[in-house]
């Protein structure tokens, strides 16, 4: 069998015993090295990624409209679809956290604010809103940490200072609340 396969491929095998035939004359399976894609494949991949990101942004925008019209359930569905298309979209993760916050589901809101922060640690609004959720759940020290992080990133937001003071006051750190 090996000898006939080698002959079909135009290669001669010196061993007449097909059971002991050398495998060196049989072509090997060609593998594709993903690291060395051709430029056309890379271009297609880039276009596909851009389309997915554009579609994700569109879903996010439609979800914002749904929130503004009071349709939170539809907005949550659309934000989740946007995130499926672009798992790195800190904006969609943040907005989904807002939708859950609006619905009163603080645990889900916290989950998505945390995911937003994982993707964009400099998103001061995610830190601030996470702080609001933690404050409402009486997790005051962690709320204070996120308010402080929001201030560190964007020190010009007076509402963050106000809520930081409220968190200090509630945790009986009145001197810090006054500062």
Foldseek 3Di string as FASTA:
>chain_A
DVQVQLVVVVHHFPDPPPVPTDCPSPDDDDDDDPVDDDPVVVVVVVVLLVVLLVVLVVLQVVLVVCVVVVNLVSSLVSLVSSCVSPVLPLPSLQVNLVSCVVVVNLVSSLVSLVSSCVSPVLPLVSLQVNLVSCVVVVVLVSSLVSLVSSCVSPVPDVVSLQVNLVSCVVVVVNVVSVD
